[in-house]
């Protein structure tokens, strides 16, 4: 009798449980609404350009070029285009902060959305 109960469990119950779990995952994905553009995304797009100075920090372990804003905030860009990799140059940037690990740890990790040379030296 005990063996018959075990066989029933493996043949009938386990596939039913697996089907319920699978269907629940499908239903959640199908009914999930596409999020609208958040206010933070809109603010990031509309944020004015910030003045920054390119700082050559290759002497620090794991660092390359950092950006220092006028208020003293140091930013660690994810990728800085080659033509902007000159210490002391003033640039205008639009960026957003990202949550990622940093080897340099000398500034706030950011992604540069827009960068151009500043006319003011």
Protein backbone atom coordinates (compact mmCIF):
# COMPACT_ATOMS: atom_id res chain seq x y z
CA UNK A 1 0.00 0.00 0.00
CA UNK A 2 2.82 2.39 0.90
CA UNK A 3 4.47 1.72 -2.44
CA UNK A 4 1.19 2.46 -4.25
CA UNK A 5 0.94 5.87 -2.52
CA UNK A 6 4.52 6.71 -3.55
CA UNK A 7 3.83 5.77 -7.16
CA UNK A 8 0.65 7.90 -7.17
CA UNK A 9 2.60 10.86 -5.78
CA UNK A 10 5.34 10.65 -8.42
CA UNK A 11 2.97 10.01 -11.34
CA UNK A 12 0.14 12.44 -10.52
CA UNK A 13 1.19 15.05 -7.97
CA UNK A 14 4.68 16.07 -9.09
CA UNK A 15 3.71 16.83 -12.71
CA UNK A 16 0.68 18.83 -11.45
CA UNK A 17 2.89 20.87 -9.11
CA UNK A 18 5.42 21.48 -11.88
CA UNK A 19 2.63 22.60 -14.23
CA UNK A 20 1.26 25.05 -11.65
CA UNK A 21 4.68 26.58 -11.02
CA UNK A 22 5.34 26.89 -14.77
CA UNK A 23 1.95 28.46 -15.48
CA UNK A 24 2.35 30.95 -12.63
CA UNK A 25 5.65 32.17 -14.12
CA UNK A 26 4.08 32.51 -17.58
CA UNK A 27 1.07 34.40 -16.29
CA UNK A 28 3.23 36.85 -14.37
CA UNK A 29 5.28 37.61 -17.48
CA UNK A 30 2.26 37.93 -19.74
CA UNK A 31 0.31 40.29 -17.47
CA UNK A 32 3.25 42.47 -16.51
CA UNK A 33 2.70 46.00 -17.79
CA UNK A 34 5.41 47.84 -19.67
CA UNK A 35 6.57 50.63 -17.34
CA UNK A 36 6.15 54.17 -18.55
CA UNK A 37 9.15 56.46 -18.66
CA UNK A 38 9.78 57.45 -15.09
CA UNK A 39 10.21 61.01 -13.92
CA UNK A 40 13.85 60.22 -13.07
CA UNK A 41 14.50 59.20 -16.70
CA UNK A 42 12.88 62.39 -17.92
CA UNK A 43 14.94 64.46 -15.49
CA UNK A 44 18.10 62.71 -16.65
CA UNK A 45 17.34 63.64 -20.25
CA UNK A 46 16.51 67.24 -19.37
CA UNK A 47 19.37 67.75 -16.90
CA UNK A 48 21.57 70.71 -17.92
CA UNK A 49 25.19 70.23 -18.89
CA UNK A 50 27.62 70.32 -15.96
CA UNK A 51 31.10 71.85 -16.14
CA UNK A 52 33.87 69.41 -15.22
CA UNK A 53 37.64 69.17 -15.40
CA UNK A 54 39.29 65.99 -16.69
CA UNK A 55 41.73 64.63 -14.08
CA UNK A 56 44.45 62.16 -15.08
CA UNK A 57 44.42 59.61 -12.25
CA UNK A 58 46.41 56.81 -13.86
CA UNK A 59 48.86 56.95 -10.94
CA UNK A 60 46.11 55.52 -8.68
CA UNK A 61 45.54 51.75 -8.77
CA UNK A 62 42.74 50.84 -11.17
CA UNK A 63 42.03 54.44 -12.21
CA UNK A 64 42.23 56.15 -15.58
CA UNK A 65 40.64 59.56 -16.12
CA UNK A 66 38.19 61.06 -13.64
CA UNK A 67 35.97 64.14 -13.88
CA UNK A 68 35.86 66.78 -11.13
CA UNK A 69 32.75 68.96 -11.06
CA UNK A 70 32.78 72.61 -9.95
CA UNK A 71 31.35 71.63 -6.54
CA UNK A 72 34.27 69.21 -5.96
CA UNK A 73 32.35 66.01 -6.71
CA UNK A 74 34.55 63.42 -8.43
CA UNK A 75 32.99 61.21 -11.10
CA UNK A 76 34.38 57.99 -12.51
CA UNK A 77 33.04 57.65 -16.06
CA UNK A 78 32.35 54.19 -17.43
CA UNK A 79 33.89 55.10 -20.81
CA UNK A 80 35.53 58.39 -21.63
CA UNK A 81 36.12 58.93 -25.37
CA UNK A 82 39.78 59.05 -26.38
CA UNK A 83 39.74 62.69 -27.49
CA UNK A 84 38.72 63.81 -23.97
CA UNK A 85 41.52 61.91 -22.17
CA UNK A 86 43.75 64.90 -21.43
CA UNK A 87 44.19 66.09 -17.84
CA UNK A 88 43.20 69.68 -17.12
CA UNK A 89 40.72 70.08 -20.00
CA UNK A 90 37.33 71.61 -19.17
CA UNK A 91 34.35 69.74 -20.55
CA UNK A 92 30.58 70.01 -20.46
CA UNK A 93 28.90 66.74 -19.51
CA UNK A 94 25.50 65.20 -19.01
CA UNK A 95 25.64 61.99 -17.01
CA UNK A 96 23.69 59.62 -14.81
CA UNK A 97 24.88 57.71 -11.75
CA UNK A 98 25.04 53.92 -11.99
CA UNK A 99 25.32 51.24 -9.36
CA UNK A 100 28.37 49.20 -10.27
CA UNK A 101 31.55 48.02 -8.66
CA UNK A 102 34.64 50.14 -9.13
CA UNK A 103 38.29 49.16 -8.94
CA UNK A 104 39.38 52.80 -8.72
CA UNK A 105 37.02 53.82 -5.87
CA UNK A 106 38.06 57.47 -6.19
CA UNK A 107 34.77 58.79 -7.53
CA UNK A 108 31.10 58.11 -8.10
CA UNK A 109 30.56 55.63 -11.00
CA UNK A 110 28.66 57.33 -13.86
CA UNK A 111 27.76 56.85 -17.49
CA UNK A 112 28.38 59.85 -19.71
CA UNK A 113 25.30 60.62 -21.81
CA UNK A 114 26.84 63.65 -23.55
CA UNK A 115 30.26 65.28 -23.49
CA UNK A 116 31.79 68.22 -25.33
CA UNK A 117 34.74 70.54 -24.85
CA UNK A 118 34.03 73.71 -22.91
CA UNK A 119 34.88 76.99 -24.61
CA UNK A 120 36.06 78.42 -21.27
CA UNK A 121 39.59 77.32 -20.32
